[in-house]
Structures are given as structure tokens and as C-alpha cells.
Amino acid sequence: MNYFYVTGNAFRFFSLLMLFLKMWETKSAAGVSASSVILFAIVFTTRYADLLVAFYSYYNTIMKLVYLLLSYSTVYLIFFELHSTYDHGKDLFRTELLIIPSFFLALTLNYNFEVIEICWTFSIYLETVALVPQLYMVLKSGFLHSTIRPFLYCFTTYRTLYLFSWIYRYFVESRFELISIISGCAQMLLLASFFNRKLRSTETSSKFGQDTVDAGRTIYFTPTAGKICTTKNLKHDHTQFTGDVYLF
């Protein structure tokens, strides 16, 4: 059995589940990119389009339906139940810049031209960049909210395990899926770049001490706790972030 694949799937499921439960528990969508959530809903919709034409097993069918339900439930939560807490003004990445190239790639670089196959290929390409709006939102705001943090860590673990799964399949099962491997490696590079910037930012904060001035706001970093408090210079408005916001 390919335990890397099985465990990776478990982490992918828990990444989505933890995002939904964290939002439900805190009653807040702050720091969450609705654009990324929508892109993942599109990914699962197109990847599991074979539900309409094929049946593999009850487990396979149930898990696909669970992914679809979970992704669309998260979309509903952001736009309806928690709409007032959603940072719409910070979620600015244009998703068409990701969807359109992924679609044309699926039409040109695929295994065959069957509709289901093109849908699957499109979902692979789109998943590669589905996190871009979320990462862009974090970079622009400078904060990694606790709502999104477990999701990112679990998702990165899922992708890392899939990398080992591809190695296992190549040497043990003699299988080699070029599209999945290239797309997955591209996403791993994206995530590695993101966490590298996060690590460098944390090290810089620890090295240069307590305060950094940014756009009229003083940010105080506590290296041991990883938490911050801000002081607005003009209004002397003190705001303490106790666990919902982390310095990026």
C-alpha cells in the first residue's frame, strides 16, 4: 500500500475540514481568501466530474461528495453566514488570471481530448495556483491569521507527502504521471517560497528587536510568543492581538 498517498489524502481532507471548523468556531472569516476557496470548489467540481459517468466504489463516491460538500459549504459560510467578517478589501487577486491560463493549458497539454479528461487536467493545473489569492492576501496584509494557519500547514504536508508518493509510484509501481508531478512540484515551490519569506520575516523581527514602523503604525513583535501589538502613531489607539493575528 502507498501510505504516502493515503496519508496525504488524509491531510488534504483535514486541511479543508479545519478551515471550515475554525471559521465556524470563531464566527469569523477574517484572513481567509474567498477567491482561493472558490478556486478549490472549482477544482473539486471539475476533478470529480466523473461521478456523472462512472462508479468505482462507495468509498470513492462518498469521499468525492464530501469534498464537494465541504468546499461549497465553506464558500457559503464566507459569503452568507460570516460575510460581515470577510476582508473583501484585502482579497484583491484577479482569479481570471489563474482560471483562463489553466483552462488553455488543459486544452493543449493533456493525455487525451475527452471531456472528463480535460476537466481532470484543468483541475490539476488550477489546484497548482489555487492558493495564490490566499498567499497574496497574506503578503499584502502582512499577517497570517490563526484561522488560515492550520489549513496552510496541513495543505503543505499533503503536498509534501504526495511528492514522496510520486517517488514511491515510480520505483515500486512503475507509474509516472508527468502532469501531476510537474504541477505538484510547481505548487511546492510556491509554498516553499511563501514559508521562506515568513521565516526570514520572523528572523528579521527577532534580530532587530521590538519595533518596526510601517505606514504610520508601530508593530511590536514578541519573538517567544509570535504575537504582536500595534500602536497607531496619530491617534494613540492601542490594539492588542492575542492569538488571531501573527506577524508575517
C-alpha atoms as a PDB file:
ATOM      1  CA  MET A   1       0.000   0.000   0.000  1.00  0.00           C
ATOM      2  CA  ASN A   2       1.144   3.532  -0.809  1.00  0.00           C
ATOM      3  CA  TYR A   3       0.975   5.046   2.672  1.00  0.00           C
ATOM      4  CA  PHE A   4       2.296   8.384   1.421  1.00  0.00           C
ATOM      5  CA  TYR A   5      -0.737   8.702  -0.842  1.00  0.00           C
ATOM      6  CA  VAL A   6      -3.221   7.617   1.825  1.00  0.00           C
ATOM      7  CA  THR A   7      -1.763   9.895   4.498  1.00  0.00           C
ATOM      8  CA  GLY A   8      -1.514  12.771   2.027  1.00  0.00           C
ATOM      9  CA  ASN A   9      -5.203  12.445   1.208  1.00  0.00           C
ATOM     10  CA  ALA A  10      -5.997  12.495   4.915  1.00  0.00           C
ATOM     11  CA  PHE A  11      -4.071  15.751   5.365  1.00  0.00           C
ATOM     12  CA  ARG A  12      -5.807  17.291   2.364  1.00  0.00           C
ATOM     13  CA  PHE A  13      -9.185  16.407   3.851  1.00  0.00           C
ATOM     14  CA  PHE A  14      -8.228  17.726   7.300  1.00  0.00           C
ATOM     15  CA  SER A  15      -6.886  20.960   5.811  1.00  0.00           C
ATOM     16  CA  LEU A  16     -10.310  21.747   4.352  1.00  0.00           C
ATOM     17  CA  LEU A  17     -12.174  20.469   7.397  1.00  0.00           C
ATOM     18  CA  MET A  18     -10.042  22.507   9.816  1.00  0.00           C
ATOM     19  CA  LEU A  19     -10.564  25.655   7.770  1.00  0.00           C
ATOM     20  CA  PHE A  20     -14.337  25.183   7.875  1.00  0.00           C
ATOM     21  CA  LEU A  21     -14.408  24.305  11.583  1.00  0.00           C
ATOM     22  CA  LYS A  22     -12.067  27.157  12.527  1.00  0.00           C
ATOM     23  CA  MET A  23     -14.323  29.660  10.770  1.00  0.00           C
ATOM     24  CA  TRP A  24     -17.405  28.101  12.340  1.00  0.00           C
ATOM     25  CA  GLU A  25     -15.846  28.106  15.820  1.00  0.00           C
ATOM     26  CA  THR A  26     -14.575  31.694  15.711  1.00  0.00           C
ATOM     27  CA  LYS A  27     -17.550  33.006  13.711  1.00  0.00           C
ATOM     28  CA  SER A  28     -15.056  34.867  11.558  1.00  0.00           C
ATOM     29  CA  ALA A  29     -13.739  34.711   8.002  1.00  0.00           C
ATOM     30  CA  ALA A  30     -11.031  37.291   8.688  1.00  0.00           C
ATOM     31  CA  GLY A  31      -7.818  36.494   6.856  1.00  0.00           C
ATOM     32  CA  VAL A  32      -9.446  33.916   4.581  1.00  0.00           C
ATOM     33  CA  SER A  33      -9.354  34.448   0.824  1.00  0.00           C
ATOM     34  CA  ALA A  34     -12.769  33.679  -0.644  1.00  0.00           C
ATOM     35  CA  SER A  35     -11.114  33.638  -4.062  1.00  0.00           C
ATOM     36  CA  SER A  36      -8.943  30.672  -3.067  1.00  0.00           C
ATOM     37  CA  VAL A  37     -11.910  28.879  -1.511  1.00  0.00           C
ATOM     38  CA  ILE A  38     -13.908  29.335  -4.730  1.00  0.00           C
ATOM     39  CA  LEU A  39     -10.980  28.089  -6.808  1.00  0.00           C
ATOM     40  CA  PHE A  40     -10.784  24.925  -4.700  1.00  0.00           C
ATOM     41  CA  ALA A  41     -14.525  24.420  -5.170  1.00  0.00           C
ATOM     42  CA  ILE A  42     -13.969  24.631  -8.932  1.00  0.00           C
ATOM     43  CA  VAL A  43     -11.031  22.220  -8.628  1.00  0.00           C
ATOM     44  CA  PHE A  44     -13.133  19.559  -6.902  1.00  0.00           C
ATOM     45  CA  THR A  45     -16.110  20.109  -9.200  1.00  0.00           C
ATOM     46  CA  THR A  46     -14.080  19.523 -12.360  1.00  0.00           C
ATOM     47  CA  ARG A  47     -11.893  16.761 -10.913  1.00  0.00           C
ATOM     48  CA  TYR A  48     -14.863  14.754  -9.753  1.00  0.00           C
ATOM     49  CA  ALA A  49     -16.938  15.270 -12.887  1.00  0.00           C
ATOM     50  CA  ASP A  50     -16.524  11.539 -13.476  1.00  0.00           C
ATOM     51  CA  LEU A  51     -19.179  10.998 -10.803  1.00  0.00           C
ATOM     52  CA  LEU A  52     -21.665  11.590 -13.616  1.00  0.00           C
ATOM     53  CA  VAL A  53     -20.349   8.816 -15.848  1.00  0.00           C
ATOM     54  CA  ALA A  54     -18.515   6.240 -13.724  1.00  0.00           C
ATOM     55  CA  PHE A  55     -18.757   4.337 -10.448  1.00  0.00           C
ATOM     56  CA  TYR A  56     -15.621   2.954  -8.787  1.00  0.00           C
ATOM     57  CA  SER A  57     -16.655   2.211  -5.204  1.00  0.00           C
ATOM     58  CA  TYR A  58     -18.925   3.520  -2.475  1.00  0.00           C
ATOM     59  CA  TYR A  59     -15.919   4.876  -0.581  1.00  0.00           C
ATOM     60  CA  ASN A  60     -14.641   6.718  -3.653  1.00  0.00           C
ATOM     61  CA  THR A  61     -18.049   8.225  -4.376  1.00  0.00           C
ATOM     62  CA  ILE A  62     -18.703   9.247  -0.770  1.00  0.00           C
ATOM     63  CA  MET A  63     -15.309  10.933  -0.383  1.00  0.00           C
ATOM     64  CA  LYS A  64     -15.759  12.891  -3.608  1.00  0.00           C
ATOM     65  CA  LEU A  65     -19.165  14.080  -2.448  1.00  0.00           C
ATOM     66  CA  VAL A  66     -17.705  15.038   0.938  1.00  0.00           C
ATOM     67  CA  TYR A  67     -15.035  17.183  -0.728  1.00  0.00           C
ATOM     68  CA  LEU A  68     -17.669  18.903  -2.852  1.00  0.00           C
ATOM     69  CA  LEU A  69     -19.957  19.478   0.127  1.00  0.00           C
ATOM     70  CA  LEU A  70     -17.130  20.776   2.305  1.00  0.00           C
ATOM     71  CA  SER A  71     -15.774  23.175  -0.308  1.00  0.00           C
ATOM     72  CA  TYR A  72     -19.160  24.668  -1.183  1.00  0.00           C
ATOM     73  CA  SER A  73     -20.154  24.846   2.492  1.00  0.00           C
ATOM     74  CA  THR A  74     -17.043  26.937   3.121  1.00  0.00           C
ATOM     75  CA  VAL A  75     -17.987  29.243   0.241  1.00  0.00           C
ATOM     76  CA  TYR A  76     -21.479  29.595   1.723  1.00  0.00           C
ATOM     77  CA  LEU A  77     -20.046  30.313   5.165  1.00  0.00           C
ATOM     78  CA  ILE A  78     -17.885  33.157   3.855  1.00  0.00           C
ATOM     79  CA  PHE A  79     -20.468  34.877   1.677  1.00  0.00           C
ATOM     80  CA  PHE A  80     -23.570  34.431   3.826  1.00  0.00           C
ATOM     81  CA  GLU A  81     -23.089  33.433   7.464  1.00  0.00           C
ATOM     82  CA  LEU A  82     -19.811  35.326   8.034  1.00  0.00           C
ATOM     83  CA  HIS A  83     -19.985  37.925   5.295  1.00  0.00           C
ATOM     84  CA  SER A  84     -19.543  40.852   7.705  1.00  0.00           C
ATOM     85  CA  THR A  85     -16.172  39.474   8.875  1.00  0.00           C
ATOM     86  CA  TYR A  86     -14.780  38.734   5.413  1.00  0.00           C
ATOM     87  CA  ASP A  87     -11.878  41.022   4.413  1.00  0.00           C
ATOM     88  CA  HIS A  88     -13.204  41.787   0.947  1.00  0.00           C
ATOM     89  CA  GLY A  89     -10.959  44.819   0.564  1.00  0.00           C
ATOM     90  CA  LYS A  90      -7.832  42.671   1.008  1.00  0.00           C
ATOM     91  CA  ASP A  91      -8.850  39.773  -1.234  1.00  0.00           C
ATOM     92  CA  LEU A  92      -7.858  41.533  -4.442  1.00  0.00           C
ATOM     93  CA  PHE A  93      -6.167  38.938  -6.646  1.00  0.00           C
ATOM     94  CA  ARG A  94      -7.907  38.546 -10.018  1.00  0.00           C
ATOM     95  CA  THR A  95      -8.833  34.878 -10.286  1.00  0.00           C
ATOM     96  CA  GLU A  96      -9.360  35.036 -14.050  1.00  0.00           C
ATOM     97  CA  LEU A  97      -5.577  35.347 -14.346  1.00  0.00           C
ATOM     98  CA  LEU A  98      -5.414  31.826 -12.909  1.00  0.00           C
ATOM     99  CA  ILE A  99      -8.537  30.199 -14.371  1.00  0.00           C
ATOM    100  CA  ILE A 100      -8.057  31.174 -18.025  1.00  0.00           C
ATOM    101  CA  PRO A 101      -4.409  30.016 -18.372  1.00  0.00           C
ATOM    102  CA  SER A 102      -5.264  26.768 -16.536  1.00  0.00           C
ATOM    103  CA  PHE A 103      -8.118  26.148 -18.970  1.00  0.00           C
ATOM    104  CA  PHE A 104      -5.971  26.727 -22.058  1.00  0.00           C
ATOM    105  CA  LEU A 105      -3.214  24.545 -20.624  1.00  0.00           C
ATOM    106  CA  ALA A 106      -5.777  21.774 -20.119  1.00  0.00           C
ATOM    107  CA  LEU A 107      -6.818  22.087 -23.764  1.00  0.00           C
ATOM    108  CA  THR A 108      -3.256  21.924 -25.066  1.00  0.00           C
ATOM    109  CA  LEU A 109      -1.357  19.741 -22.580  1.00  0.00           C
ATOM    110  CA  ASN A 110      -3.395  16.663 -21.659  1.00  0.00           C
ATOM    111  CA  TYR A 111      -3.437  12.895 -22.077  1.00  0.00           C
ATOM    112  CA  ASN A 112      -6.448  12.863 -24.425  1.00  0.00           C
ATOM    113  CA  PHE A 113      -9.271  15.141 -25.579  1.00  0.00           C
ATOM    114  CA  GLU A 114     -12.183  13.500 -23.789  1.00  0.00           C
ATOM    115  CA  VAL A 115     -14.307  15.948 -21.802  1.00  0.00           C
ATOM    116  CA  ILE A 116     -13.767  14.170 -18.477  1.00  0.00           C
ATOM    117  CA  GLU A 117     -10.015  14.023 -19.083  1.00  0.00           C
ATOM    118  CA  ILE A 118      -9.837  17.726 -19.902  1.00  0.00           C
ATOM    119  CA  CYS A 119     -11.823  18.510 -16.744  1.00  0.00           C
ATOM    120  CA  TRP A 120      -9.404  16.424 -14.682  1.00  0.00           C
ATOM    121  CA  THR A 121      -6.355  18.063 -16.278  1.00  0.00           C
ATOM    122  CA  PHE A 122      -7.843  21.523 -15.751  1.00  0.00           C
ATOM    123  CA  SER A 123      -8.365  20.731 -12.060  1.00  0.00           C
ATOM    124  CA  ILE A 124      -4.715  19.684 -11.709  1.00  0.00           C
ATOM    125  CA  TYR A 125      -3.430  22.901 -13.250  1.00  0.00           C
ATOM    126  CA  LEU A 126      -5.875  25.054 -11.302  1.00  0.00           C
ATOM    127  CA  GLU A 127      -5.024  23.418  -7.971  1.00  0.00           C
ATOM    128  CA  THR A 128      -1.399  24.389  -8.578  1.00  0.00           C
ATOM    129  CA  VAL A 129      -2.309  28.076  -8.356  1.00  0.00           C
ATOM    130  CA  ALA A 130      -5.484  27.934  -6.228  1.00  0.00           C
ATOM    131  CA  LEU A 131      -3.588  29.142  -3.161  1.00  0.00           C
ATOM    132  CA  VAL A 132      -2.158  32.202  -4.922  1.00  0.00           C
ATOM    133  CA  PRO A 133      -5.002  34.574  -3.849  1.00  0.00           C
ATOM    134  CA  GLN A 134      -4.623  33.416  -0.230  1.00  0.00           C
ATOM    135  CA  LEU A 135      -0.848  33.840  -0.232  1.00  0.00           C
ATOM    136  CA  TYR A 136      -1.175  37.190  -1.990  1.00  0.00           C
ATOM    137  CA  MET A 137      -3.658  38.315   0.663  1.00  0.00           C
ATOM    138  CA  VAL A 138      -1.222  37.379   3.437  1.00  0.00           C
ATOM    139  CA  LEU A 139       1.655  39.143   1.707  1.00  0.00           C
ATOM    140  CA  LYS A 140      -0.350  42.323   1.178  1.00  0.00           C
ATOM    141  CA  SER A 141      -1.728  42.455   4.720  1.00  0.00           C
ATOM    142  CA  GLY A 142       1.463  41.249   6.397  1.00  0.00           C
ATOM    143  CA  PHE A 143      -0.465  38.937   8.734  1.00  0.00           C
ATOM    144  CA  LEU A 144      -1.107  35.208   8.848  1.00  0.00           C
ATOM    145  CA  HIS A 145      -4.379  34.801  10.739  1.00  0.00           C
ATOM    146  CA  SER A 146      -4.843  31.816  13.011  1.00  0.00           C
ATOM    147  CA  THR A 147      -7.961  30.919  11.004  1.00  0.00           C
ATOM    148  CA  ILE A 148      -5.920  30.093   7.920  1.00  0.00           C
ATOM    149  CA  ARG A 149      -2.728  28.855   9.595  1.00  0.00           C
ATOM    150  CA  PRO A 150      -3.790  25.201  10.257  1.00  0.00           C
ATOM    151  CA  PHE A 151      -5.140  24.947   6.709  1.00  0.00           C
ATOM    152  CA  LEU A 152      -1.846  26.075   5.170  1.00  0.00           C
ATOM    153  CA  TYR A 153       0.259  23.751   7.319  1.00  0.00           C
ATOM    154  CA  CYS A 154      -1.935  20.709   6.626  1.00  0.00           C
ATOM    155  CA  PHE A 155      -2.105  21.516   2.929  1.00  0.00           C
ATOM    156  CA  THR A 156       1.682  21.834   2.718  1.00  0.00           C
ATOM    157  CA  THR A 157       2.039  18.475   4.481  1.00  0.00           C
ATOM    158  CA  TYR A 158      -0.390  16.925   1.995  1.00  0.00           C
ATOM    159  CA  ARG A 159       1.665  18.207  -0.937  1.00  0.00           C
ATOM    160  CA  THR A 160       4.929  17.030   0.630  1.00  0.00           C
ATOM    161  CA  LEU A 161       3.540  13.527   1.156  1.00  0.00           C
ATOM    162  CA  TYR A 162       2.305  13.479  -2.432  1.00  0.00           C
ATOM    163  CA  LEU A 163       5.864  14.204  -3.559  1.00  0.00           C
ATOM    164  CA  PHE A 164       7.062  11.069  -1.769  1.00  0.00           C
ATOM    165  CA  SER A 165       4.053   9.216  -3.187  1.00  0.00           C
ATOM    166  CA  TRP A 166       5.169  10.001  -6.743  1.00  0.00           C
ATOM    167  CA  ILE A 167       8.662   8.727  -5.965  1.00  0.00           C
ATOM    168  CA  TYR A 168       7.150   5.560  -4.491  1.00  0.00           C
ATOM    169  CA  ARG A 169       4.934   5.033  -7.535  1.00  0.00           C
ATOM    170  CA  TYR A 170       7.833   5.484  -9.919  1.00  0.00           C
ATOM    171  CA  PHE A 171      10.153   2.969  -8.241  1.00  0.00           C
ATOM    172  CA  VAL A 172       7.615   0.488  -6.837  1.00  0.00           C
ATOM    173  CA  GLU A 173       4.594   0.680  -9.155  1.00  0.00           C
ATOM    174  CA  SER A 174       6.423   1.845 -12.312  1.00  0.00           C
ATOM    175  CA  ARG A 175       3.916   4.682 -12.720  1.00  0.00           C
ATOM    176  CA  PHE A 176       4.803   8.167 -13.863  1.00  0.00           C
ATOM    177  CA  GLU A 177       2.165  10.919 -14.218  1.00  0.00           C
ATOM    178  CA  LEU A 178       4.012  13.856 -15.741  1.00  0.00           C
ATOM    179  CA  ILE A 179       1.179  16.418 -15.477  1.00  0.00           C
ATOM    180  CA  SER A 180       0.539  15.730 -11.791  1.00  0.00           C
ATOM    181  CA  ILE A 181       4.238  15.707 -10.910  1.00  0.00           C
ATOM    182  CA  ILE A 182       5.122  18.957 -12.676  1.00  0.00           C
ATOM    183  CA  SER A 183       2.044  20.734 -11.309  1.00  0.00           C
ATOM    184  CA  GLY A 184       2.646  19.432  -7.802  1.00  0.00           C
ATOM    185  CA  CYS A 185       6.309  20.456  -7.831  1.00  0.00           C
ATOM    186  CA  ALA A 186       5.329  23.931  -9.039  1.00  0.00           C
ATOM    187  CA  GLN A 187       2.940  24.275  -6.114  1.00  0.00           C
ATOM    188  CA  MET A 188       5.587  23.029  -3.683  1.00  0.00           C
ATOM    189  CA  LEU A 189       7.970  25.722  -4.950  1.00  0.00           C
ATOM    190  CA  LEU A 190       5.229  28.300  -4.427  1.00  0.00           C
ATOM    191  CA  LEU A 191       4.638  27.147  -0.850  1.00  0.00           C
ATOM    192  CA  ALA A 192       8.368  26.904  -0.133  1.00  0.00           C
ATOM    193  CA  SER A 193       8.838  30.493  -1.295  1.00  0.00           C
ATOM    194  CA  PHE A 194       5.959  31.622   0.920  1.00  0.00           C
ATOM    195  CA  PHE A 195       7.224  29.929   4.083  1.00  0.00           C
ATOM    196  CA  ASN A 196      10.786  31.052   3.353  1.00  0.00           C
ATOM    197  CA  ARG A 197       9.614  34.663   3.341  1.00  0.00           C
ATOM    198  CA  LYS A 198       7.675  34.033   6.550  1.00  0.00           C
ATOM    199  CA  LEU A 199      10.763  32.565   8.226  1.00  0.00           C
ATOM    200  CA  ARG A 200      13.002  35.430   7.087  1.00  0.00           C
ATOM    201  CA  SER A 201      10.438  37.943   8.327  1.00  0.00           C
ATOM    202  CA  THR A 202      10.347  36.282  11.746  1.00  0.00           C
ATOM    203  CA  GLU A 203      14.154  36.163  11.957  1.00  0.00           C
ATOM    204  CA  THR A 204      14.376  39.835  10.992  1.00  0.00           C
ATOM    205  CA  SER A 205      11.877  40.761  13.704  1.00  0.00           C
ATOM    206  CA  SER A 206      13.856  38.794  16.295  1.00  0.00           C
ATOM    207  CA  LYS A 207      17.150  40.327  15.200  1.00  0.00           C
ATOM    208  CA  PHE A 208      16.170  43.967  15.143  1.00  0.00           C
ATOM    209  CA  GLY A 209      14.238  43.953  18.393  1.00  0.00           C
ATOM    210  CA  GLN A 210      10.911  45.290  19.359  1.00  0.00           C
ATOM    211  CA  ASP A 211       9.586  47.787  16.885  1.00  0.00           C
ATOM    212  CA  THR A 212       9.190  48.263  13.156  1.00  0.00           C
ATOM    213  CA  VAL A 213       7.402  51.228  11.636  1.00  0.00           C
ATOM    214  CA  ASP A 214       5.108  50.565   8.706  1.00  0.00           C
ATOM    215  CA  ALA A 215       2.661  53.048   7.176  1.00  0.00           C
ATOM    216  CA  GLY A 216       2.224  55.100  10.331  1.00  0.00           C
ATOM    217  CA  ARG A 217       1.859  52.083  12.570  1.00  0.00           C
ATOM    218  CA  THR A 218       4.348  50.667  15.049  1.00  0.00           C
ATOM    219  CA  ILE A 219       4.415  46.889  15.189  1.00  0.00           C
ATOM    220  CA  TYR A 220       5.824  45.265  18.304  1.00  0.00           C
ATOM    221  CA  PHE A 221       6.993  41.702  17.871  1.00  0.00           C
ATOM    222  CA  THR A 222       7.365  39.219  20.716  1.00  0.00           C
ATOM    223  CA  PRO A 223       9.754  36.500  19.472  1.00  0.00           C
ATOM    224  CA  THR A 224       8.811  33.878  22.049  1.00  0.00           C
ATOM    225  CA  ALA A 225       5.073  34.125  21.667  1.00  0.00           C
ATOM    226  CA  GLY A 226       4.990  35.054  17.992  1.00  0.00           C
ATOM    227  CA  LYS A 227       2.321  37.660  18.704  1.00  0.00           C
ATOM    228  CA  ILE A 228       2.147  41.377  18.147  1.00  0.00           C
ATOM    229  CA  CYS A 229       0.501  44.509  19.348  1.00  0.00           C
ATOM    230  CA  THR A 230       0.180  47.687  17.309  1.00  0.00           C
ATOM    231  CA  THR A 231       0.148  51.347  18.190  1.00  0.00           C
ATOM    232  CA  LYS A 232      -1.259  53.873  15.727  1.00  0.00           C
ATOM    233  CA  ASN A 233       1.021  56.887  15.953  1.00  0.00           C
ATOM    234  CA  LEU A 234      -1.541  59.573  15.177  1.00  0.00           C
ATOM    235  CA  LYS A 235      -4.466  58.506  17.299  1.00  0.00           C
ATOM    236  CA  HIS A 236      -2.548  56.633  20.001  1.00  0.00           C
ATOM    237  CA  ASP A 237      -5.017  53.796  19.588  1.00  0.00           C
ATOM    238  CA  HIS A 238      -3.631  50.696  21.283  1.00  0.00           C
ATOM    239  CA  THR A 239      -4.829  47.368  19.947  1.00  0.00           C
ATOM    240  CA  GLN A 240      -3.609  44.008  21.204  1.00  0.00           C
ATOM    241  CA  PHE A 241      -3.780  40.876  19.084  1.00  0.00           C
ATOM    242  CA  THR A 242      -3.818  37.944  21.473  1.00  0.00           C
ATOM    243  CA  GLY A 243      -3.908  34.998  19.123  1.00  0.00           C
ATOM    244  CA  ASP A 244      -5.833  35.787  15.981  1.00  0.00           C
ATOM    245  CA  VAL A 245      -3.075  37.550  14.098  1.00  0.00           C
ATOM    246  CA  TYR A 246       0.556  36.550  13.588  1.00  0.00           C
ATOM    247  CA  LEU A 247       3.363  38.605  12.129  1.00  0.00           C
ATOM    248  CA  PHE A 248       4.289  37.527   8.622  1.00  0.00           C
END
